[in-house]
Structure formats: C-alpha cells, structure tokens
Amino acid sequence: MNIVVVGDGKVGYTLTASLSKEGHDVTVIDNRPDTLRNTTNELDVICIEGNGVSYAVQSEAGVQKADLLIAATSADEINMLACMVAKKLGAKHTIARVRDPQYQQQMFFLKEELGLSVVVNPEQSAASEISRLMRFVPAIKAEPFAKGRIDLVEFKVKENSPLDGVQLSDFYRQFKVKILVCAARRGEEVFIPKGNFIIRSGDKLTILAAPAEISSFFRTVGTFQRKVRDVMVVGGGRIAYYLARQLIETGIHVKIIEKDEKRCNQLFDLLPKATILHGDGTDHELLSEEGLDKTDALIALTGIDEENIILSMYANSLNVDKVVTKVNNARLAEMLAPMGIESVISPKEIAANRIISYVRAMTNATGSNVEMLYRLADNKVEALEFRVRESSRCIGVPLKDMPIKDDVLVGAIIRGGACIIPGGDDVIKAHDSVIVVTTMNGLHELDNILKEKE
C-alpha cells in the first residue's frame, strides 16, 4: 500500500518503522530537516520537508494516489486539517491522532464531517491498558479480545510457584481451569509451547481465557492479590486524566501528584472525585507522607522516562502490589525486566498497534479480516483477532486435520457470544471470531495460518 505519514515525532516514527517493515511504500512529511535526515538514514522510506497541511506539499508526497494518510503530529488541529486536505486530494483513507479530551467528546461528529476512517488517541489507549492491569494484579500485560469476552494475559512464574515443573499436557488435570497457555518467554527465547513443554520459575507465560477463568486460575496458583482500591499516580498529563476517569468509575480511589500548579487546578476541576496534590512526585518524603507504602498501585506517568523508572524501583522496594511504568524509549524498556519493572506501557507502541491492525484489515483478501492486533513479549509475539468470512479455507475443517504452520496457535473461537478454547475436533465456522497467536510477523488474513499447498 502507498501510505503517507504526516509528523515524524515519537508516534510518527514508530508507525513509519512498523509500516515499512511490513512492506508498505511509506512517505513521511515533516518540517524538521534534522529529524527527516535521521529517518532517511535509518529507514527505507521517502521523506519530504514541508508543512503537512499544505496542499502543495501533500501533492508532492503523492497523497492523491495514496491508499492511506496518517496524521500523527503533536497538534490535534493540524492532524484533522491534514486529513481533510488529504480527502480533498483523493486519499482513500485517513487516520488522525487526536488527544484533547474536548475533541473526544465530539468524536463521532468530527469523524463524520472530516471523513476520518479512524481516530487514534495514544494517551486514552494507554490509560485503558493500565486500567485493565488493575483487574489482574499479577499480570504484566492484559488485552481484551472479542469485545471483552476473552482476555490475553502475560504473567511471570514466581519462585516456588505450583506451576514450576508442570508439563502443559497435565495443565488442566492439575488446575481444573479452562485456559490456554499460548506463548512462553524463557530468557531471550520466545515460542509457542507444545504439550511436552515444562514450565519453570522465571518463565513469562501468556494465557488466553475468559476473564472469570483467569481470575480463578490466579487464585488456584496462589498469585491472586486483593482487589485494587487505592491508586497513586505521579504525573498529571492526559494519560493520568483518562486513567483517573476510568478507575473512578470502577470505585477505585485515585490520588494524582503533579508539580505544575496550573495543571493541578485543571485536574481539580476535571476530576472532582480524585485527590489532586501539588508537589514533586520524585520526592520520597512526599511519597512517604502520602502513604505510598500502603497504596495498592503506583502508576509512574511523568514526562521523563528516567524519573518513571526510579519511581517504580522505589515503589518495588516498598513492596507496592502493582507498579506500572510509562517508558517511551524502547531501548530503556528492554533493560527494565531484570530490574524488577515488569508492567511497562508505551503510548506510541499502543497507537502503532491499533493502526497496523487497521492497515492489515485494509490489505487483506476476501478470506478473513484483522479485527484486532496486539503485540507482546517485546513485540516477538502477535495475537490477532480475525472475523471469518464465508470464503475462508479454514471453515469446516477439524483443527487436528488443518495444515497449520509451525509457530501458529488457534487460541480461541468466539461463536454466538460463547468463548471456545478449541480442541482438535473443533471446527471454524463462517462469522466466527478467531484468536490466533503466533511468533510470525505479517499475518493479514486467517488463511495465512495454513501451510502452502505442495
């Protein structure tokens, strides 16, 4: 596909790298020559210097022949205007990054009037991911599929866990829960485990099941912790705002520490049920006074990665039950697990995943389309939700007889609202939703899981 990306910042660059890796022809527009020079040196893309809302600049970038324009600058208004110009020029689809809560309240109107295909809010999506982690405290990552009927959860097997030494083929017999272990990470190795795989402490497992089954599983293996009731958030940006709204709706008390007095006043008006404190969240005396050691969860959301990491290490030293860390620098994020910082979120990666999911749905054939894409295990594993169309070659064939590629697992089938953890005799039917977990990259349709005919 021909794709134009307006904005070469954190989100824009992450998108460009992902789309280029998937084989798309990408053109980047930005008005910062140094930034574009770095992108040109690192990626196989075309870069054009100029204003992304300019008719002339977009024409030079070939927007009139583009399948998709993605506006990912830091300014909502520029993104919406760039998409409007692109639609006038003839771009088939447009995606805008829109973050301001005021625009979120009128998003349906804006999408209709501006002809936007998708609106992406990285901060709101990051808040939703953190909120889900509050449901499953032992989880490193948690992602819903099939409209919340099934969850994909990654967690670490602790020392002396009853899971240590268990062979997967004996899993159900021992724990009596309907879950599927669909990916395992041991050290640097990530793979789809077979029945003879033996779980060891230190492994990071990804499980797929209905939410109630996952809660039951954590109770059974002794990792279930009490419900989160109090959350301390350091950093009062947009993620903190969206997160506080979501948590307060579920009955969780939220305390936000923000060092900018003006922003504190804004949050005080926007979030009357939250506790807003003006202060430096990196001051350990302030954190102690506010009861960090007694809170259920610490969410580090300042604008500086290093501050978030130090805050998280301090919270871990106080044995806070749940610690979530916002980190934008991918290189830093890779170093955190050995330091005990497991739950790391990156708004730009979350936004990229959603857009990649949409792009794959656009590029697929007539078989089945990607409804959702989620990456885990440092992006080495993909979980995809496909909607099965009547033309798919996977329909009606028992899974045990289906020539499925290595390193691909059919994790769940959603049919008529029911969640099926499939066995060898189960079949896929038209209009099912199918969850596939794989270490392969670039699955665009369900039929891609099948081996090529000889």
Protein backbone atom coordinates (compact mmCIF):
# COMPACT_ATOMS: atom_id res chain seq x y z
CA MET A 1 0.00 0.00 0.00
CA ASN A 2 1.01 3.61 -0.55
CA ILE A 3 0.93 5.32 2.84
CA VAL A 4 1.76 8.92 3.76
CA VAL A 5 2.63 9.77 7.37
CA VAL A 6 2.43 13.41 8.47
CA GLY A 7 4.64 14.00 11.51
CA ASP A 8 7.96 12.35 12.28
CA GLY A 9 7.86 12.51 16.08
CA LYS A 10 7.71 9.58 18.52
CA VAL A 11 4.40 8.19 17.27
CA GLY A 12 5.06 9.02 13.63
CA TYR A 13 8.48 7.38 13.57
CA THR A 14 7.21 4.25 15.35
CA LEU A 15 4.42 3.96 12.78
CA THR A 16 6.76 4.56 9.86
CA ALA A 17 9.17 1.88 11.07
CA SER A 18 6.39 -0.68 11.56
CA LEU A 19 4.69 0.03 8.24
CA SER A 20 7.97 -0.03 6.34
CA LYS A 21 8.90 -3.35 7.95
CA GLU A 22 5.58 -4.78 6.74
CA GLY A 23 6.47 -3.91 3.15
CA HIS A 24 4.39 -0.80 2.55
CA ASP A 25 5.61 2.16 0.49
CA VAL A 26 5.82 4.96 3.06
CA THR A 27 6.33 8.69 2.53
CA VAL A 28 6.95 10.92 5.55
CA ILE A 29 6.16 14.64 5.74
CA ASP A 30 7.70 16.84 8.44
CA ASN A 31 9.04 20.39 8.66
CA ARG A 32 12.18 19.47 10.64
CA PRO A 33 15.09 18.65 8.32
CA ASP A 34 17.30 17.09 11.01
CA THR A 35 14.55 14.70 12.08
CA LEU A 36 13.87 13.69 8.49
CA ARG A 37 17.58 13.15 7.87
CA ASN A 38 17.74 10.66 10.73
CA THR A 39 14.66 8.84 9.45
CA THR A 40 16.10 8.66 5.92
CA ASN A 41 19.33 7.17 7.28
CA GLU A 42 17.55 4.55 9.39
CA LEU A 43 14.53 3.52 7.30
CA ASP A 44 13.79 2.73 3.66
CA VAL A 45 11.20 5.48 3.20
CA ILE A 46 10.78 8.71 1.25
CA CYS A 47 10.96 11.93 3.30
CA ILE A 48 9.59 15.31 2.24
CA GLU A 49 10.27 18.51 4.14
CA GLY A 50 7.32 20.84 4.48
CA ASN A 51 4.01 21.67 6.13
CA GLY A 52 1.80 18.60 6.37
CA VAL A 53 -1.40 20.60 5.84
CA SER A 54 -0.10 22.26 2.67
CA TYR A 55 -1.94 21.24 -0.49
CA ALA A 56 1.29 21.58 -2.48
CA VAL A 57 3.37 19.50 -0.05
CA GLN A 58 0.76 16.75 0.11
CA SER A 59 0.58 16.74 -3.70
CA GLU A 60 4.37 16.37 -3.88
CA ALA A 61 4.09 13.42 -1.49
CA GLY A 62 1.57 11.76 -3.80
CA VAL A 63 -1.38 11.92 -1.43
CA GLN A 64 -3.78 11.98 -4.38
CA LYS A 65 -2.76 8.37 -5.12
CA ALA A 66 -2.32 7.25 -1.51
CA ASP A 67 -4.28 4.41 0.00
CA LEU A 68 -3.91 5.94 3.44
CA LEU A 69 -2.74 9.16 5.09
CA ILE A 70 -1.90 9.09 8.80
CA ALA A 71 -1.63 12.44 10.59
CA ALA A 72 0.45 11.90 13.74
CA THR A 73 1.84 15.32 14.70
CA SER A 74 1.60 16.58 18.28
CA ALA A 75 -1.16 19.08 17.34
CA ASP A 76 -4.73 17.75 17.04
CA GLU A 77 -5.87 20.62 14.83
CA ILE A 78 -3.03 20.09 12.35
CA ASN A 79 -3.83 16.38 12.21
CA MET A 80 -7.51 16.94 11.48
CA LEU A 81 -6.75 19.61 8.89
CA ALA A 82 -4.15 17.40 7.20
CA CYS A 83 -6.72 14.63 6.90
CA MET A 84 -9.31 17.00 5.47
CA VAL A 85 -6.84 18.21 2.81
CA ALA A 86 -5.90 14.61 2.03
CA LYS A 87 -9.54 13.62 1.48
CA LYS A 88 -9.98 16.56 -0.89
CA LEU A 89 -6.88 15.46 -2.80
CA GLY A 90 -8.22 11.93 -3.17
CA ALA A 91 -6.65 9.83 -0.40
CA LYS A 92 -8.77 6.71 0.08
CA HIS A 93 -8.50 6.57 3.88
CA THR A 94 -7.31 8.89 6.64
CA ILE A 95 -6.30 8.38 10.27
CA ALA A 96 -5.85 11.24 12.73
CA ARG A 97 -4.10 11.31 16.09
CA VAL A 98 -6.43 13.29 18.37
CA ARG A 99 -5.62 13.60 22.09
CA ASP A 100 -7.54 16.54 23.56
CA PRO A 101 -10.42 15.42 25.82
CA GLN A 102 -12.59 18.22 24.42
CA TYR A 103 -12.38 16.71 20.94
CA GLN A 104 -13.04 13.21 22.30
CA GLN A 105 -16.49 14.32 23.41
CA GLN A 106 -17.45 15.19 19.81
CA MET A 107 -15.52 12.48 18.02
CA PHE A 108 -18.48 10.96 16.17
CA PHE A 109 -19.31 14.35 14.67
CA LEU A 110 -15.68 15.02 13.69
CA LYS A 111 -15.28 11.61 12.05
CA GLU A 112 -18.43 12.10 10.01
CA GLU A 113 -17.70 15.68 8.96
CA LEU A 114 -13.99 15.22 8.24
CA GLY A 115 -14.32 11.78 6.67
CA LEU A 116 -11.85 10.20 9.10
CA SER A 117 -11.52 6.43 8.86
CA VAL A 118 -10.03 6.05 12.34
CA VAL A 119 -9.20 8.37 15.22
CA VAL A 120 -6.32 7.27 17.45
CA ASN A 121 -5.72 8.63 20.94
CA PRO A 122 -2.47 7.10 22.29
CA GLU A 123 -2.98 8.52 25.77
CA GLN A 124 -6.53 7.24 26.12
CA SER A 125 -5.49 3.82 24.81
CA ALA A 126 -2.58 3.73 27.28
CA ALA A 127 -4.96 4.61 30.12
CA SER A 128 -7.26 1.76 29.10
CA GLU A 129 -4.37 -0.69 29.14
CA ILE A 130 -3.31 0.43 32.63
CA SER A 131 -6.90 0.18 33.83
CA ARG A 132 -7.06 -3.44 32.64
CA LEU A 133 -3.90 -4.22 34.61
CA MET A 134 -5.70 -3.15 37.77
CA ARG A 135 -8.11 -6.08 37.24
CA PHE A 136 -5.33 -8.68 37.12
CA VAL A 137 -2.64 -7.52 39.55
CA PRO A 138 -0.20 -10.38 38.75
CA ALA A 139 -0.34 -9.53 35.02
CA ILE A 140 2.47 -7.87 33.11
CA LYS A 141 0.17 -7.21 30.15
CA ALA A 142 -3.56 -7.65 29.66
CA GLU A 143 -5.56 -7.20 26.47
CA PRO A 144 -9.26 -7.95 25.78
CA PHE A 145 -10.47 -9.62 22.60
CA ALA A 146 -13.92 -10.26 21.17
CA LYS A 147 -15.44 -7.26 22.97
CA GLY A 148 -14.15 -8.36 26.36
CA ARG A 149 -15.35 -11.96 26.19
CA ILE A 150 -11.78 -13.23 26.35
CA ASP A 151 -8.54 -11.83 27.75
CA LEU A 152 -4.93 -12.30 26.79
CA VAL A 153 -2.73 -12.00 29.90
CA GLU A 154 1.03 -12.23 30.30
CA PHE A 155 2.48 -13.01 33.74
CA LYS A 156 5.71 -14.22 35.32
CA VAL A 157 6.00 -17.57 37.10
CA LYS A 158 7.35 -16.81 40.57
CA GLU A 159 9.77 -18.83 42.68
CA ASN A 160 8.11 -21.76 44.46
CA SER A 161 5.00 -21.41 42.29
CA PRO A 162 2.87 -24.57 41.94
CA LEU A 163 3.32 -24.03 38.18
CA ASP A 164 7.05 -24.77 38.42
CA GLY A 165 7.73 -28.19 36.89
CA VAL A 166 4.25 -28.68 35.41
CA GLN A 167 4.05 -30.12 31.91
CA LEU A 168 1.48 -28.42 29.68
CA SER A 169 -0.21 -31.69 28.80
CA ASP A 170 -1.03 -32.08 32.53
CA PHE A 171 -2.17 -28.48 32.97
CA TYR A 172 -5.94 -28.95 33.03
CA ARG A 173 -5.77 -32.11 35.15
CA GLN A 174 -3.84 -30.23 37.86
CA PHE A 175 -5.57 -26.86 37.89
CA LYS A 176 -9.07 -27.55 36.51
CA VAL A 177 -9.32 -24.22 34.69
CA LYS A 178 -10.17 -23.65 31.03
CA ILE A 179 -7.23 -21.59 29.92
CA LEU A 180 -4.73 -21.94 27.11
CA VAL A 181 -1.02 -21.24 27.51
CA CYS A 182 -0.36 -19.77 24.08
CA ALA A 183 3.15 -18.28 24.35
CA ALA A 184 6.18 -18.63 26.58
CA ARG A 185 9.25 -16.49 27.09
CA ARG A 186 12.32 -18.04 28.72
CA GLY A 187 15.27 -15.70 28.80
CA GLU A 188 15.62 -14.27 25.29
CA GLU A 189 13.74 -17.15 23.65
CA VAL A 190 10.06 -16.74 22.77
CA PHE A 191 7.99 -19.60 21.37
CA ILE A 192 4.59 -21.25 21.07
CA PRO A 193 4.79 -24.12 23.61
CA LYS A 194 3.80 -27.69 22.82
CA GLY A 195 2.23 -30.25 25.16
CA ASN A 196 5.64 -31.51 26.31
CA PHE A 197 6.74 -28.04 27.46
CA ILE A 198 7.64 -27.95 31.16
CA ILE A 199 7.04 -24.67 32.99
CA ARG A 200 9.90 -23.25 35.09
CA SER A 201 10.05 -20.38 37.57
CA GLY A 202 11.10 -17.20 35.82
CA ASP A 203 9.17 -18.08 32.66
CA LYS A 204 6.80 -15.45 31.33
CA LEU A 205 3.62 -17.12 30.11
CA THR A 206 0.83 -15.70 28.01
CA ILE A 207 -2.57 -17.23 28.71
CA LEU A 208 -5.88 -16.88 26.89
CA ALA A 209 -9.24 -17.38 28.61
CA ALA A 210 -12.48 -15.79 29.72
CA PRO A 211 -11.91 -13.16 32.46
CA ALA A 212 -13.57 -15.29 35.17
CA GLU A 213 -11.35 -18.27 34.29
CA ILE A 214 -8.22 -16.11 34.53
CA SER A 215 -9.21 -14.84 37.99
CA SER A 216 -9.92 -18.43 39.06
CA PHE A 217 -6.55 -19.54 37.69
CA PHE A 218 -4.61 -16.90 39.62
CA ARG A 219 -6.43 -17.92 42.82
CA THR A 220 -5.62 -21.57 42.19
CA VAL A 221 -1.89 -21.00 41.70
CA GLY A 222 -1.68 -18.61 44.65
CA THR A 223 -0.85 -15.40 42.81
CA PHE A 224 -4.24 -13.72 43.21
CA GLN A 225 -3.96 -10.49 45.14
CA ARG A 226 -6.67 -8.39 46.72
CA LYS A 227 -8.67 -6.00 44.60
CA VAL A 228 -7.04 -2.66 43.88
CA ARG A 229 -8.79 0.07 45.84
CA ASP A 230 -6.26 2.91 46.05
CA VAL A 231 -4.00 4.08 43.22
CA MET A 232 -1.28 6.73 43.33
CA VAL A 233 -0.44 8.38 40.00
CA VAL A 234 2.68 10.51 39.62
CA GLY A 235 2.36 12.89 36.69
CA GLY A 236 -0.86 14.67 35.78
CA GLY A 237 -0.83 14.60 31.99
CA ARG A 238 -3.51 13.36 29.61
CA ILE A 239 -2.94 9.69 30.44
CA ALA A 240 -3.47 10.44 34.13
CA TYR A 241 -6.72 12.25 33.32
CA TYR A 242 -8.13 9.45 31.16
CA LEU A 243 -6.96 6.80 33.64
CA ALA A 244 -8.46 8.56 36.65
CA ARG A 245 -11.84 8.78 34.93
CA GLN A 246 -11.81 5.07 34.14
CA LEU A 247 -10.67 3.99 37.61
CA ILE A 248 -13.06 6.25 39.48
CA GLU A 249 -15.96 4.74 37.51
CA THR A 250 -14.99 1.32 38.91
CA GLY A 251 -14.89 2.59 42.51
CA ILE A 252 -11.10 2.96 42.83
CA HIS A 253 -9.77 5.97 44.73
CA VAL A 254 -7.19 7.91 42.71
CA LYS A 255 -4.53 10.27 44.03
CA ILE A 256 -2.58 12.31 41.44
CA ILE A 257 0.68 14.10 42.25
CA GLU A 258 1.59 16.84 39.76
CA LYS A 259 4.28 19.52 40.13
CA ASP A 260 2.70 22.07 37.78
CA GLU A 261 0.28 24.18 39.81
CA LYS A 262 -1.77 25.30 36.81
CA ARG A 263 -2.28 21.71 35.70
CA CYS A 264 -3.28 20.77 39.25
CA ASN A 265 -6.03 23.37 39.15
CA GLN A 266 -7.24 22.00 35.81
CA LEU A 267 -7.32 18.45 37.15
CA PHE A 268 -9.10 19.60 40.30
CA ASP A 269 -11.93 20.96 38.13
CA LEU A 270 -11.96 17.99 35.72
CA LEU A 271 -11.75 15.25 38.35
CA PRO A 272 -13.76 16.30 41.43
CA LYS A 273 -13.72 12.75 42.87
CA ALA A 274 -9.92 12.40 42.68
CA THR A 275 -7.37 13.70 45.16
CA ILE A 276 -5.04 16.17 43.43
CA LEU A 277 -1.74 17.09 45.11
CA HIS A 278 0.65 19.83 44.03
CA GLY A 279 4.19 18.56 44.59
CA ASP A 280 7.22 16.77 43.21
CA GLY A 281 6.37 13.11 42.79
CA THR A 282 10.05 12.16 42.87
CA ASP A 283 10.38 13.47 46.45
CA HIS A 284 10.45 10.31 48.58
CA GLU A 285 9.42 12.27 51.69
CA LEU A 286 6.25 13.43 49.94
CA LEU A 287 5.58 9.91 48.71
CA SER A 288 6.01 8.58 52.26
CA GLU A 289 3.73 11.25 53.70
CA GLU A 290 1.05 10.33 51.15
CA GLY A 291 1.28 6.64 52.03
CA LEU A 292 2.99 5.08 49.05
CA ASP A 293 3.86 2.03 51.14
CA LYS A 294 0.17 1.48 51.88
CA THR A 295 -1.25 2.11 48.39
CA ASP A 296 -2.31 -0.78 46.16
CA ALA A 297 -0.71 0.53 42.98
CA LEU A 298 1.77 3.15 41.79
CA ILE A 299 1.49 4.45 38.22
CA ALA A 300 4.54 6.44 37.04
CA LEU A 301 3.41 8.79 34.27
CA THR A 302 5.80 11.74 34.29
CA GLY A 303 7.16 13.02 31.00
CA ILE A 304 10.67 11.75 31.77
CA ASP A 305 11.40 8.03 31.36
CA GLU A 306 14.23 8.03 33.88
CA GLU A 307 12.03 9.57 36.58
CA ASN A 308 9.37 6.93 35.95
CA ILE A 309 11.94 4.14 36.24
CA ILE A 310 13.37 5.46 39.52
CA LEU A 311 9.88 5.93 40.96
CA SER A 312 9.00 2.36 40.01
CA MET A 313 12.16 0.95 41.58
CA TYR A 314 11.38 2.84 44.79
CA ALA A 315 7.79 1.54 44.83
CA ASN A 316 9.06 -2.01 44.30
CA SER A 317 11.42 -1.58 47.25
CA LEU A 318 8.36 -0.77 49.39
CA ASN A 319 6.57 -3.91 48.09
CA VAL A 320 3.74 -1.99 46.44
CA ASP A 321 1.46 -4.68 44.95
CA LYS A 322 1.25 -3.25 41.45
CA VAL A 323 3.66 -0.88 39.67
CA VAL A 324 3.11 0.39 36.12
CA THR A 325 5.76 2.43 34.32
CA LYS A 326 5.41 4.65 31.27
CA VAL A 327 8.52 4.47 29.07
CA ASN A 328 8.77 5.89 25.55
CA ASN A 329 12.38 4.94 24.84
CA ALA A 330 12.30 1.37 23.50
CA ARG A 331 15.96 0.78 24.37
CA LEU A 332 15.31 1.68 28.01
CA ALA A 333 12.20 -0.50 28.12
CA GLU A 334 14.23 -3.56 27.12
CA MET A 335 16.50 -3.11 30.15
CA LEU A 336 13.80 -2.95 32.81
CA ALA A 337 12.74 -6.57 33.38
CA PRO A 338 15.99 -7.57 35.16
CA MET A 339 15.40 -4.59 37.46
CA GLY A 340 12.01 -5.97 38.52
CA ILE A 341 9.99 -3.49 36.46
CA GLU A 342 7.61 -5.72 34.53
CA SER A 343 4.50 -3.72 33.58
CA VAL A 344 5.74 -1.15 31.09
CA ILE A 345 3.47 0.80 28.76
CA SER A 346 4.39 2.86 25.71
CA PRO A 347 1.63 5.08 24.24
CA LYS A 348 3.35 5.26 20.86
CA GLU A 349 3.55 1.45 20.61
CA ILE A 350 -0.10 1.11 21.59
CA ALA A 351 -1.12 3.61 18.89
CA ALA A 352 1.07 1.87 16.32
CA ASN A 353 -0.55 -1.49 17.09
CA ARG A 354 -4.03 -0.12 16.51
CA ILE A 355 -3.09 1.49 13.22
CA ILE A 356 -1.21 -1.60 12.00
CA SER A 357 -4.34 -3.62 12.79
CA TYR A 358 -6.41 -1.27 10.63
CA VAL A 359 -3.88 -1.35 7.80
CA ARG A 360 -3.82 -5.15 7.75
CA ALA A 361 -7.61 -5.20 7.61
CA MET A 362 -7.42 -2.89 4.58
CA THR A 363 -4.86 -5.01 2.73
CA ASN A 364 -6.34 -8.45 3.25
CA ALA A 365 -8.04 -10.53 0.59
CA THR A 366 -11.57 -11.87 0.75
CA GLY A 367 -10.88 -14.53 3.40
CA SER A 368 -10.95 -13.01 6.89
CA ASN A 369 -10.01 -9.62 8.22
CA VAL A 370 -7.97 -8.48 11.21
CA GLU A 371 -10.27 -7.07 13.86
CA MET A 372 -7.54 -6.52 16.45
CA LEU A 373 -3.78 -6.82 16.74
CA TYR A 374 -1.79 -6.99 19.96
CA ARG A 375 1.96 -7.45 20.35
CA LEU A 376 3.64 -8.90 23.41
CA ALA A 377 6.94 -10.39 24.58
CA ASP A 378 8.90 -7.37 23.30
CA ASN A 379 6.96 -7.49 20.01
CA LYS A 380 8.14 -11.05 19.32
CA VAL A 381 4.61 -12.47 19.54
CA GLU A 382 1.44 -11.26 17.86
CA ALA A 383 -2.11 -12.04 18.89
CA LEU A 384 -4.69 -11.31 16.23
CA GLU A 385 -8.47 -11.46 16.15
CA PHE A 386 -9.92 -12.42 12.76
CA ARG A 387 -13.52 -12.24 11.62
CA VAL A 388 -14.19 -15.31 9.46
CA ARG A 389 -15.83 -14.75 6.11
CA GLU A 390 -17.60 -17.42 4.12
CA SER A 391 -14.77 -17.73 1.57
CA SER A 392 -12.12 -18.78 4.12
CA ARG A 393 -10.38 -22.13 3.51
CA CYS A 394 -10.33 -22.74 7.27
CA ILE A 395 -14.09 -23.29 7.52
CA GLY A 396 -15.37 -26.75 8.39
CA VAL A 397 -12.02 -28.47 8.86
CA PRO A 398 -11.28 -30.02 12.28
CA LEU A 399 -8.26 -28.26 13.76
CA LYS A 400 -6.39 -31.57 14.10
CA ASP A 401 -6.65 -32.02 10.29
CA MET A 402 -5.86 -28.43 9.39
CA PRO A 403 -2.36 -27.88 7.91
CA ILE A 404 -1.46 -25.07 10.31
CA LYS A 405 2.02 -23.56 10.07
CA ASP A 406 4.57 -24.08 12.80
CA ASP A 407 4.64 -21.36 15.48
CA VAL A 408 0.95 -20.61 14.97
CA LEU A 409 -1.75 -21.43 17.53
CA VAL A 410 -5.51 -21.10 17.21
CA GLY A 411 -6.16 -19.87 20.72
CA ALA A 412 -9.90 -19.30 20.87
CA ILE A 413 -13.09 -19.31 18.82
CA ILE A 414 -15.89 -16.89 19.65
CA ARG A 415 -19.27 -18.06 18.39
CA GLY A 416 -22.61 -16.54 19.29
CA GLY A 417 -21.18 -14.83 22.34
CA ALA A 418 -19.64 -18.05 23.68
CA CYS A 419 -15.88 -18.45 24.13
CA ILE A 420 -14.45 -21.81 23.00
CA ILE A 421 -10.93 -22.89 23.93
CA PRO A 422 -10.63 -25.29 20.99
CA GLY A 423 -9.51 -28.89 20.87
CA GLY A 424 -8.51 -30.96 17.87
CA ASP A 425 -12.10 -31.84 16.92
CA ASP A 426 -13.38 -28.25 16.90
CA VAL A 427 -14.05 -26.50 13.59
CA ILE A 428 -14.14 -22.89 12.48
CA LYS A 429 -17.40 -21.58 11.03
CA ALA A 430 -18.27 -18.54 8.96
CA HIS A 431 -18.79 -15.37 11.04
CA ASP A 432 -16.79 -16.75 13.98
CA SER A 433 -14.17 -14.58 15.61
CA VAL A 434 -10.89 -16.48 15.85
CA ILE A 435 -7.95 -15.54 18.08
CA VAL A 436 -4.58 -16.57 16.63
CA VAL A 437 -1.26 -16.33 18.50
CA THR A 438 1.97 -16.51 16.53
CA THR A 439 5.66 -15.71 16.54
CA MET A 440 5.38 -14.93 12.82
CA ASN A 441 5.02 -11.36 11.60
CA GLY A 442 2.65 -10.03 8.98
CA LEU A 443 -0.44 -12.24 9.11
CA HIS A 444 -3.07 -10.31 7.14
CA GLU A 445 -5.87 -12.87 6.95
CA LEU A 446 -6.87 -16.10 8.66
CA ASP A 447 -5.89 -18.24 5.67
CA ASN A 448 -2.27 -17.11 6.17
CA ILE A 449 -2.04 -19.60 9.06
CA LEU A 450 -2.26 -22.50 6.59
CA LYS A 451 0.77 -24.12 5.03
CA GLU A 452 1.22 -23.60 1.32
CA LYS A 453 -0.18 -26.35 -0.87
CA GLU A 454 2.55 -28.56 -2.29
